[in-house]
Amino acid sequence: MSAESNTPYLLRAARGEVLDRPPVWMMRQAGRYMKAYRDLREKYPSFRERSEIPEVAIEVSLQPWKAFQPDGVILFSDIVTPLPGLGIEMDIAEGKG
């Protein structure tokens, strides 16, 4: 096995290597169609809980990877997640955003 084959496909593409196919990754594709996500959502009904508790965000991020084995996964989060850390209070209202 060559060193290239041990390097993740997504990283090889990012380095500009010529590959036989484009890499595939998932951007928060866990959702209502996944029973594991629905179960987790019952336990953590708040979007903020799902995105701000590290273990929960990791689990949500890995659910589509476990199901589909893409070349990469993007961490479950939201663009407003850092705001409370900056002293800006906010909430994400269910059904409104």
PDB file of N, CA and C in Angstrom:
ATOM      1  N   MET A   1       0.846  -1.181   0.000  1.00  0.00           N
ATOM      2  CA  MET A   1       0.000   0.000   0.000  1.00  0.00           C
ATOM      3  C   MET A   1       0.889   1.242   0.000  1.00  0.00           C
ATOM      4  N   SER A   2       0.620   2.143  -0.903  1.00  0.00           N
ATOM      5  CA  SER A   2       1.438   3.348  -0.990  1.00  0.00           C
ATOM      6  C   SER A   2       1.029   4.359   0.071  1.00  0.00           C
ATOM      7  N   ALA A   3       1.907   5.330   0.309  1.00  0.00           N
ATOM      8  CA  ALA A   3       1.605   6.386   1.282  1.00  0.00           C
ATOM      9  C   ALA A   3       0.389   7.187   0.828  1.00  0.00           C
ATOM     10  N   GLU A   4       0.231   7.346  -0.506  1.00  0.00           N
ATOM     11  CA  GLU A   4      -0.916   8.086  -1.030  1.00  0.00           C
ATOM     12  C   GLU A   4      -2.230   7.452  -0.615  1.00  0.00           C
ATOM     13  N   SER A   5      -2.312   6.129  -0.668  1.00  0.00           N
ATOM     14  CA  SER A   5      -3.578   5.471  -0.358  1.00  0.00           C
ATOM     15  C   SER A   5      -3.916   5.552   1.125  1.00  0.00           C
ATOM     16  N   ASN A   6      -2.945   5.872   1.973  1.00  0.00           N
ATOM     17  CA  ASN A   6      -3.205   6.045   3.401  1.00  0.00           C
ATOM     18  C   ASN A   6      -3.668   7.463   3.724  1.00  0.00           C
ATOM     19  N   THR A   7      -3.496   8.385   2.798  1.00  0.00           N
ATOM     20  CA  THR A   7      -3.891   9.777   3.009  1.00  0.00           C
ATOM     21  C   THR A   7      -5.369   9.924   2.657  1.00  0.00           C
ATOM     22  N   PRO A   8      -6.170  10.534   3.535  1.00  0.00           N
ATOM     23  CA  PRO A   8      -7.598  10.697   3.233  1.00  0.00           C
ATOM     24  C   PRO A   8      -7.828  11.378   1.885  1.00  0.00           C
ATOM     25  N   TYR A   9      -8.826  10.867   1.175  1.00  0.00           N
ATOM     26  CA  TYR A   9      -9.153  11.333  -0.166  1.00  0.00           C
ATOM     27  C   TYR A   9      -9.392  12.835  -0.213  1.00  0.00           C
ATOM     28  N   LEU A  10     -10.123  13.355   0.762  1.00  0.00           N
ATOM     29  CA  LEU A  10     -10.441  14.780   0.793  1.00  0.00           C
ATOM     30  C   LEU A  10      -9.173  15.622   0.914  1.00  0.00           C
ATOM     31  N   LEU A  11      -8.227  15.180   1.728  1.00  0.00           N
ATOM     32  CA  LEU A  11      -6.958  15.908   1.869  1.00  0.00           C
ATOM     33  C   LEU A  11      -6.148  15.849   0.583  1.00  0.00           C
ATOM     34  N   ARG A  12      -6.164  14.707  -0.077  1.00  0.00           N
ATOM     35  CA  ARG A  12      -5.431  14.594  -1.343  1.00  0.00           C
ATOM     36  C   ARG A  12      -6.001  15.566  -2.376  1.00  0.00           C
ATOM     37  N   ALA A  13      -7.325  15.684  -2.425  1.00  0.00           N
ATOM     38  CA  ALA A  13      -7.956  16.628  -3.357  1.00  0.00           C
ATOM     39  C   ALA A  13      -7.610  18.062  -2.974  1.00  0.00           C
ATOM     40  N   ALA A  14      -7.608  18.362  -1.680  1.00  0.00           N
ATOM     41  CA  ALA A  14      -7.278  19.715  -1.215  1.00  0.00           C
ATOM     42  C   ALA A  14      -5.846  20.089  -1.573  1.00  0.00           C
ATOM     43  N   ARG A  15      -4.982  19.112  -1.661  1.00  0.00           N
ATOM     44  CA  ARG A  15      -3.582  19.358  -2.047  1.00  0.00           C
ATOM     45  C   ARG A  15      -3.419  19.517  -3.553  1.00  0.00           C
ATOM     46  N   GLY A  16      -4.496  19.322  -4.288  1.00  0.00           N
ATOM     47  CA  GLY A  16      -4.444  19.485  -5.731  1.00  0.00           C
ATOM     48  C   GLY A  16      -4.037  18.236  -6.483  1.00  0.00           C
ATOM     49  N   GLU A  17      -4.017  17.092  -5.809  1.00  0.00           N
ATOM     50  CA  GLU A  17      -3.663  15.855  -6.496  1.00  0.00           C
ATOM     51  C   GLU A  17      -4.755  15.489  -7.499  1.00  0.00           C
ATOM     52  N   VAL A  18      -4.353  14.891  -8.599  1.00  0.00           N
ATOM     53  CA  VAL A  18      -5.307  14.404  -9.584  1.00  0.00           C
ATOM     54  C   VAL A  18      -5.848  13.075  -9.066  1.00  0.00           C
ATOM     55  N   LEU A  19      -7.167  12.992  -8.950  1.00  0.00           N
ATOM     56  CA  LEU A  19      -7.808  11.801  -8.406  1.00  0.00           C
ATOM     57  C   LEU A  19      -8.767  11.212  -9.426  1.00  0.00           C
ATOM     58  N   ASP A  20      -9.169   9.980  -9.215  1.00  0.00           N
ATOM     59  CA  ASP A  20     -10.072   9.308 -10.149  1.00  0.00           C
ATOM     60  C   ASP A  20     -11.529   9.755 -10.002  1.00  0.00           C
ATOM     61  N   ARG A  21     -11.838  10.460  -8.913  1.00  0.00           N
ATOM     62  CA  ARG A  21     -13.184  10.968  -8.692  1.00  0.00           C
ATOM     63  C   ARG A  21     -13.103  12.127  -7.712  1.00  0.00           C
ATOM     64  N   PRO A  22     -14.092  12.999  -7.694  1.00  0.00           N
ATOM     65  CA  PRO A  22     -14.087  14.060  -6.680  1.00  0.00           C
ATOM     66  C   PRO A  22     -14.421  13.469  -5.309  1.00  0.00           C
ATOM     67  N   PRO A  23     -13.899  14.067  -4.250  1.00  0.00           N
ATOM     68  CA  PRO A  23     -14.248  13.580  -2.916  1.00  0.00           C
ATOM     69  C   PRO A  23     -15.701  13.931  -2.586  1.00  0.00           C
ATOM     70  N   VAL A  24     -16.277  13.156  -1.712  1.00  0.00           N
ATOM     71  CA  VAL A  24     -17.658  13.366  -1.284  1.00  0.00           C
ATOM     72  C   VAL A  24     -17.645  13.635   0.207  1.00  0.00           C
ATOM     73  N   TRP A  25     -18.376  14.652   0.641  1.00  0.00           N
ATOM     74  CA  TRP A  25     -18.482  14.910   2.075  1.00  0.00           C
ATOM     75  C   TRP A  25     -19.916  15.301   2.396  1.00  0.00           C
ATOM     76  N   MET A  26     -20.231  15.268   3.673  1.00  0.00           N
ATOM     77  CA  MET A  26     -21.591  15.541   4.119  1.00  0.00           C
ATOM     78  C   MET A  26     -21.617  16.838   4.915  1.00  0.00           C
ATOM     79  N   MET A  27     -22.534  17.707   4.576  1.00  0.00           N
ATOM     80  CA  MET A  27     -22.714  18.949   5.329  1.00  0.00           C
ATOM     81  C   MET A  27     -24.011  18.842   6.122  1.00  0.00           C
ATOM     82  N   ARG A  28     -23.900  18.412   7.360  1.00  0.00           N
ATOM     83  CA  ARG A  28     -25.043  18.280   8.252  1.00  0.00           C
ATOM     84  C   ARG A  28     -26.202  17.570   7.580  1.00  0.00           C
ATOM     85  N   GLN A  29     -25.914  16.411   7.043  1.00  0.00           N
ATOM     86  CA  GLN A  29     -26.968  15.658   6.393  1.00  0.00           C
ATOM     87  C   GLN A  29     -27.741  14.772   7.352  1.00  0.00           C
ATOM     88  N   ALA A  30     -27.397  14.819   8.647  1.00  0.00           N
ATOM     89  CA  ALA A  30     -28.248  14.141   9.622  1.00  0.00           C
ATOM     90  C   ALA A  30     -29.540  14.931   9.677  1.00  0.00           C
ATOM     91  N   GLY A  31     -30.635  14.260   9.742  1.00  0.00           N
ATOM     92  CA  GLY A  31     -31.899  14.983   9.780  1.00  0.00           C
ATOM     93  C   GLY A  31     -33.068  14.065  10.026  1.00  0.00           C
ATOM     94  N   ARG A  32     -34.236  14.578   9.710  1.00  0.00           N
ATOM     95  CA  ARG A  32     -35.466  13.865  10.040  1.00  0.00           C
ATOM     96  C   ARG A  32     -35.545  12.474   9.440  1.00  0.00           C
ATOM     97  N   TYR A  33     -34.889  12.228   8.325  1.00  0.00           N
ATOM     98  CA  TYR A  33     -34.946  10.905   7.711  1.00  0.00           C
ATOM     99  C   TYR A  33     -34.137   9.872   8.491  1.00  0.00           C
ATOM    100  N   MET A  34     -33.290  10.311   9.427  1.00  0.00           N
ATOM    101  CA  MET A  34     -32.443   9.392  10.201  1.00  0.00           C
ATOM    102  C   MET A  34     -33.049   9.174  11.587  1.00  0.00           C
ATOM    103  N   LYS A  35     -33.383   7.918  11.892  1.00  0.00           N
ATOM    104  CA  LYS A  35     -33.952   7.606  13.200  1.00  0.00           C
ATOM    105  C   LYS A  35     -33.001   8.015  14.319  1.00  0.00           C
ATOM    106  N   ALA A  36     -31.714   7.802  14.140  1.00  0.00           N
ATOM    107  CA  ALA A  36     -30.738   8.161  15.179  1.00  0.00           C
ATOM    108  C   ALA A  36     -30.808   9.656  15.491  1.00  0.00           C
ATOM    109  N   TYR A  37     -30.994  10.486  14.458  1.00  0.00           N
ATOM    110  CA  TYR A  37     -31.107  11.932  14.683  1.00  0.00           C
ATOM    111  C   TYR A  37     -32.414  12.273  15.389  1.00  0.00           C
ATOM    112  N   ARG A  38     -33.511  11.651  14.960  1.00  0.00           N
ATOM    113  CA  ARG A  38     -34.798  11.910  15.616  1.00  0.00           C
ATOM    114  C   ARG A  38     -34.735  11.535  17.092  1.00  0.00           C
ATOM    115  N   ASP A  39     -34.096  10.405  17.403  1.00  0.00           N
ATOM    116  CA  ASP A  39     -33.947   9.983  18.801  1.00  0.00           C
ATOM    117  C   ASP A  39     -33.119  10.994  19.587  1.00  0.00           C
ATOM    118  N   LEU A  40     -32.021  11.460  19.004  1.00  0.00           N
ATOM    119  CA  LEU A  40     -31.169  12.440  19.673  1.00  0.00           C
ATOM    120  C   LEU A  40     -31.916  13.765  19.855  1.00  0.00           C
ATOM    121  N   ARG A  41     -32.713  14.112  18.876  1.00  0.00           N
ATOM    122  CA  ARG A  41     -33.484  15.359  18.945  1.00  0.00           C
ATOM    123  C   ARG A  41     -34.521  15.307  20.070  1.00  0.00           C
ATOM    124  N   GLU A  42     -35.065  14.126  20.335  1.00  0.00           N
ATOM    125  CA  GLU A  42     -35.994  13.991  21.467  1.00  0.00           C
ATOM    126  C   GLU A  42     -35.267  14.222  22.786  1.00  0.00           C
ATOM    127  N   LYS A  43     -34.059  13.710  22.883  1.00  0.00           N
ATOM    128  CA  LYS A  43     -33.274  13.853  24.109  1.00  0.00           C
ATOM    129  C   LYS A  43     -32.761  15.284  24.277  1.00  0.00           C
ATOM    130  N   TYR A  44     -32.398  15.927  23.167  1.00  0.00           N
ATOM    131  CA  TYR A  44     -31.880  17.303  23.164  1.00  0.00           C
ATOM    132  C   TYR A  44     -32.748  18.129  22.214  1.00  0.00           C
ATOM    133  N   PRO A  45     -33.931  18.592  22.673  1.00  0.00           N
ATOM    134  CA  PRO A  45     -34.858  19.282  21.763  1.00  0.00           C
ATOM    135  C   PRO A  45     -34.385  20.649  21.275  1.00  0.00           C
ATOM    136  N   SER A  46     -33.488  21.286  21.991  1.00  0.00           N
ATOM    137  CA  SER A  46     -33.012  22.609  21.604  1.00  0.00           C
ATOM    138  C   SER A  46     -31.876  22.493  20.584  1.00  0.00           C
ATOM    139  N   PHE A  47     -31.988  23.272  19.502  1.00  0.00           N
ATOM    140  CA  PHE A  47     -30.903  23.300  18.518  1.00  0.00           C
ATOM    141  C   PHE A  47     -29.589  23.696  19.181  1.00  0.00           C
ATOM    142  N   ARG A  48     -29.673  24.639  20.117  1.00  0.00           N
ATOM    143  CA  ARG A  48     -28.451  25.086  20.803  1.00  0.00           C
ATOM    144  C   ARG A  48     -27.806  23.939  21.563  1.00  0.00           C
ATOM    145  N   GLU A  49     -28.602  23.095  22.202  1.00  0.00           N
ATOM    146  CA  GLU A  49     -28.024  21.933  22.887  1.00  0.00           C
ATOM    147  C   GLU A  49     -27.297  21.045  21.880  1.00  0.00           C
ATOM    148  N   ARG A  50     -27.952  20.784  20.758  1.00  0.00           N
ATOM    149  CA  ARG A  50     -27.357  19.890  19.755  1.00  0.00           C
ATOM    150  C   ARG A  50     -26.103  20.483  19.126  1.00  0.00           C
ATOM    151  N   SER A  51     -26.005  21.802  19.085  1.00  0.00           N
ATOM    152  CA  SER A  51     -24.830  22.405  18.450  1.00  0.00           C
ATOM    153  C   SER A  51     -23.777  22.885  19.441  1.00  0.00           C
ATOM    154  N   GLU A  52     -24.134  23.064  20.721  1.00  0.00           N
ATOM    155  CA  GLU A  52     -23.176  23.615  21.683  1.00  0.00           C
ATOM    156  C   GLU A  52     -22.614  22.589  22.664  1.00  0.00           C
ATOM    157  N   ILE A  53     -23.262  21.448  22.821  1.00  0.00           N
ATOM    158  CA  ILE A  53     -22.704  20.392  23.671  1.00  0.00           C
ATOM    159  C   ILE A  53     -21.779  19.572  22.776  1.00  0.00           C
ATOM    160  N   PRO A  54     -20.472  19.634  23.006  1.00  0.00           N
ATOM    161  CA  PRO A  54     -19.528  19.008  22.075  1.00  0.00           C
ATOM    162  C   PRO A  54     -19.845  17.557  21.737  1.00  0.00           C
ATOM    163  N   GLU A  55     -20.157  16.750  22.720  1.00  0.00           N
ATOM    164  CA  GLU A  55     -20.416  15.328  22.458  1.00  0.00           C
ATOM    165  C   GLU A  55     -21.650  15.134  21.574  1.00  0.00           C
ATOM    166  N   VAL A  56     -22.639  15.989  21.756  1.00  0.00           N
ATOM    167  CA  VAL A  56     -23.866  15.888  20.961  1.00  0.00           C
ATOM    168  C   VAL A  56     -23.598  16.364  19.532  1.00  0.00           C
ATOM    169  N   ALA A  57     -22.897  17.475  19.381  1.00  0.00           N
ATOM    170  CA  ALA A  57     -22.559  17.983  18.047  1.00  0.00           C
ATOM    171  C   ALA A  57     -21.711  16.971  17.279  1.00  0.00           C
ATOM    172  N   ILE A  58     -20.801  16.314  17.976  1.00  0.00           N
ATOM    173  CA  ILE A  58     -19.972  15.287  17.331  1.00  0.00           C
ATOM    174  C   ILE A  58     -20.839  14.127  16.872  1.00  0.00           C
ATOM    175  N   GLU A  59     -21.742  13.681  17.741  1.00  0.00           N
ATOM    176  CA  GLU A  59     -22.626  12.568  17.373  1.00  0.00           C
ATOM    177  C   GLU A  59     -23.481  12.919  16.163  1.00  0.00           C
ATOM    178  N   VAL A  60     -24.073  14.116  16.144  1.00  0.00           N
ATOM    179  CA  VAL A  60     -24.887  14.534  15.001  1.00  0.00           C
ATOM    180  C   VAL A  60     -24.024  14.594  13.740  1.00  0.00           C
ATOM    181  N   SER A  61     -22.805  15.085  13.867  1.00  0.00           N
ATOM    182  CA  SER A  61     -21.894  15.186  12.721  1.00  0.00           C
ATOM    183  C   SER A  61     -21.528  13.819  12.171  1.00  0.00           C
ATOM    184  N   LEU A  62     -21.344  12.849  13.062  1.00  0.00           N
ATOM    185  CA  LEU A  62     -20.900  11.524  12.633  1.00  0.00           C
ATOM    186  C   LEU A  62     -22.033  10.619  12.158  1.00  0.00           C
ATOM    187  N   GLN A  63     -23.272  10.946  12.462  1.00  0.00           N
ATOM    188  CA  GLN A  63     -24.382  10.083  12.041  1.00  0.00           C
ATOM    189  C   GLN A  63     -24.396   9.829  10.534  1.00  0.00           C
ATOM    190  N   PRO A  64     -24.311  10.856   9.678  1.00  0.00           N
ATOM    191  CA  PRO A  64     -24.299  10.559   8.243  1.00  0.00           C
ATOM    192  C   PRO A  64     -23.034   9.819   7.815  1.00  0.00           C
ATOM    193  N   TRP A  65     -21.919  10.072   8.488  1.00  0.00           N
ATOM    194  CA  TRP A  65     -20.687   9.349   8.149  1.00  0.00           C
ATOM    195  C   TRP A  65     -20.860   7.860   8.450  1.00  0.00           C
ATOM    196  N   LYS A  66     -21.452   7.567   9.599  1.00  0.00           N
ATOM    197  CA  LYS A  66     -21.683   6.163   9.962  1.00  0.00           C
ATOM    198  C   LYS A  66     -22.613   5.488   8.959  1.00  0.00           C
ATOM    199  N   ALA A  67     -23.582   6.229   8.440  1.00  0.00           N
ATOM    200  CA  ALA A  67     -24.555   5.658   7.514  1.00  0.00           C
ATOM    201  C   ALA A  67     -24.030   5.540   6.087  1.00  0.00           C
ATOM    202  N   PHE A  68     -23.230   6.517   5.626  1.00  0.00           N
ATOM    203  CA  PHE A  68     -22.861   6.580   4.213  1.00  0.00           C
ATOM    204  C   PHE A  68     -21.367   6.483   3.923  1.00  0.00           C
ATOM    205  N   GLN A  69     -20.518   6.639   4.921  1.00  0.00           N
ATOM    206  CA  GLN A  69     -19.060   6.582   4.761  1.00  0.00           C
ATOM    207  C   GLN A  69     -18.528   7.530   3.678  1.00  0.00           C
ATOM    208  N   PRO A  70     -18.901   8.821   3.712  1.00  0.00           N
ATOM    209  CA  PRO A  70     -18.327   9.749   2.735  1.00  0.00           C
ATOM    210  C   PRO A  70     -16.850  10.002   3.045  1.00  0.00           C
ATOM    211  N   ASP A  71     -16.195  10.769   2.202  1.00  0.00           N
ATOM    212  CA  ASP A  71     -14.770  11.060   2.389  1.00  0.00           C
ATOM    213  C   ASP A  71     -14.520  12.084   3.485  1.00  0.00           C
ATOM    214  N   GLY A  72     -15.535  12.840   3.876  1.00  0.00           N
ATOM    215  CA  GLY A  72     -15.374  13.839   4.925  1.00  0.00           C
ATOM    216  C   GLY A  72     -16.719  14.229   5.510  1.00  0.00           C
ATOM    217  N   VAL A  73     -16.674  14.875   6.649  1.00  0.00           N
ATOM    218  CA  VAL A  73     -17.885  15.332   7.334  1.00  0.00           C
ATOM    219  C   VAL A  73     -17.616  16.732   7.867  1.00  0.00           C
ATOM    220  N   ILE A  74     -18.609  17.591   7.798  1.00  0.00           N
ATOM    221  CA  ILE A  74     -18.482  18.938   8.335  1.00  0.00           C
ATOM    222  C   ILE A  74     -19.193  18.978   9.678  1.00  0.00           C
ATOM    223  N   LEU A  75     -18.555  19.589  10.659  1.00  0.00           N
ATOM    224  CA  LEU A  75     -19.077  19.633  12.018  1.00  0.00           C
ATOM    225  C   LEU A  75     -20.444  20.306  12.084  1.00  0.00           C
ATOM    226  N   PHE A  76     -21.377  19.662  12.770  1.00  0.00           N
ATOM    227  CA  PHE A  76     -22.718  20.206  12.981  1.00  0.00           C
ATOM    228  C   PHE A  76     -22.618  21.473  13.809  1.00  0.00           C
ATOM    229  N   SER A  77     -23.117  22.560  13.270  1.00  0.00           N
ATOM    230  CA  SER A  77     -23.067  23.842  13.963  1.00  0.00           C
ATOM    231  C   SER A  77     -24.018  24.798  13.253  1.00  0.00           C
ATOM    232  N   ASP A  78     -23.958  26.039  13.612  1.00  0.00           N
ATOM    233  CA  ASP A  78     -24.734  27.078  12.950  1.00  0.00           C
ATOM    234  C   ASP A  78     -23.891  28.341  12.956  1.00  0.00           C
ATOM    235  N   ILE A  79     -24.118  29.209  12.010  1.00  0.00           N
ATOM    236  CA  ILE A  79     -23.318  30.427  11.903  1.00  0.00           C
ATOM    237  C   ILE A  79     -23.435  31.303  13.150  1.00  0.00           C
ATOM    238  N   VAL A  80     -24.557  31.202  13.881  1.00  0.00           N
ATOM    239  CA  VAL A  80     -24.737  32.035  15.073  1.00  0.00           C
ATOM    240  C   VAL A  80     -24.239  31.367  16.356  1.00  0.00           C
ATOM    241  N   THR A  81     -23.771  30.133  16.289  1.00  0.00           N
ATOM    242  CA  THR A  81     -23.315  29.409  17.481  1.00  0.00           C
ATOM    243  C   THR A  81     -22.269  30.180  18.288  1.00  0.00           C
ATOM    244  N   PRO A  82     -21.310  30.897  17.683  1.00  0.00           N
ATOM    245  CA  PRO A  82     -20.303  31.619  18.482  1.00  0.00           C
ATOM    246  C   PRO A  82     -20.815  32.874  19.195  1.00  0.00           C
ATOM    247  N   LEU A  83     -22.002  33.372  18.854  1.00  0.00           N
ATOM    248  CA  LEU A  83     -22.468  34.648  19.404  1.00  0.00           C
ATOM    249  C   LEU A  83     -22.510  34.703  20.931  1.00  0.00           C
ATOM    250  N   PRO A  84     -23.049  33.702  21.643  1.00  0.00           N
ATOM    251  CA  PRO A  84     -23.044  33.785  23.107  1.00  0.00           C
ATOM    252  C   PRO A  84     -21.633  33.918  23.688  1.00  0.00           C
ATOM    253  N   GLY A  85     -20.660  33.308  23.063  1.00  0.00           N
ATOM    254  CA  GLY A  85     -19.275  33.440  23.506  1.00  0.00           C
ATOM    255  C   GLY A  85     -18.738  34.848  23.333  1.00  0.00           C
ATOM    256  N   LEU A  86     -19.382  35.623  22.475  1.00  0.00           N
ATOM    257  CA  LEU A  86     -19.001  37.021  22.254  1.00  0.00           C
ATOM    258  C   LEU A  86     -19.856  37.974  23.081  1.00  0.00           C
ATOM    259  N   GLY A  87     -20.694  37.397  23.954  1.00  0.00           N
ATOM    260  CA  GLY A  87     -21.543  38.224  24.802  1.00  0.00           C
ATOM    261  C   GLY A  87     -22.841  38.659  24.146  1.00  0.00           C
ATOM    262  N   ILE A  88     -23.174  38.075  23.007  1.00  0.00           N
ATOM    263  CA  ILE A  88     -24.411  38.409  22.299  1.00  0.00           C
ATOM    264  C   ILE A  88     -25.405  37.277  22.538  1.00  0.00           C
ATOM    265  N   GLU A  89     -26.446  37.567  23.304  1.00  0.00           N
ATOM    266  CA  GLU A  89     -27.440  36.541  23.592  1.00  0.00           C
ATOM    267  C   GLU A  89     -28.330  36.307  22.378  1.00  0.00           C
ATOM    268  N   MET A  90     -28.666  35.070  22.158  1.00  0.00           N
ATOM    269  CA  MET A  90     -29.541  34.725  21.046  1.00  0.00           C
ATOM    270  C   MET A  90     -30.170  33.376  21.348  1.00  0.00           C
ATOM    271  N   ASP A  91     -31.206  33.063  20.590  1.00  0.00           N
ATOM    272  CA  ASP A  91     -31.821  31.750  20.671  1.00  0.00           C
ATOM    273  C   ASP A  91     -32.316  31.402  19.276  1.00  0.00           C
ATOM    274  N   ILE A  92     -32.448  30.137  19.026  1.00  0.00           N
ATOM    275  CA  ILE A  92     -32.961  29.675  17.745  1.00  0.00           C
ATOM    276  C   ILE A  92     -34.335  29.084  18.033  1.00  0.00           C
ATOM    277  N   ALA A  93     -35.380  29.774  17.623  1.00  0.00           N
ATOM    278  CA  ALA A  93     -36.750  29.348  17.893  1.00  0.00           C
ATOM    279  C   ALA A  93     -37.146  28.233  16.940  1.00  0.00           C
ATOM    280  N   GLU A  94     -37.667  27.154  17.490  1.00  0.00           N
ATOM    281  CA  GLU A  94     -38.104  26.011  16.698  1.00  0.00           C
ATOM    282  C   GLU A  94     -39.127  26.456  15.658  1.00  0.00           C
ATOM    283  N   GLY A  95     -38.896  26.101  14.409  1.00  0.00           N
ATOM    284  CA  GLY A  95     -39.810  26.444  13.334  1.00  0.00           C
ATOM    285  C   GLY A  95     -39.665  27.856  12.790  1.00  0.00           C
ATOM    286  N   LYS A  96     -38.815  28.681  13.430  1.00  0.00           N
ATOM    287  CA  LYS A  96     -38.632  30.064  12.977  1.00  0.00           C
ATOM    288  C   LYS A  96     -37.192  30.372  12.602  1.00  0.00           C
ATOM    289  N   GLY A  97     -36.276  29.763  13.314  1.00  0.00           N
ATOM    290  CA  GLY A  97     -34.868  30.039  13.076  1.00  0.00           C
ATOM    291  C   GLY A  97     -34.295  31.035  14.035  1.00  0.00           C
TER     292      GLY A  97
END
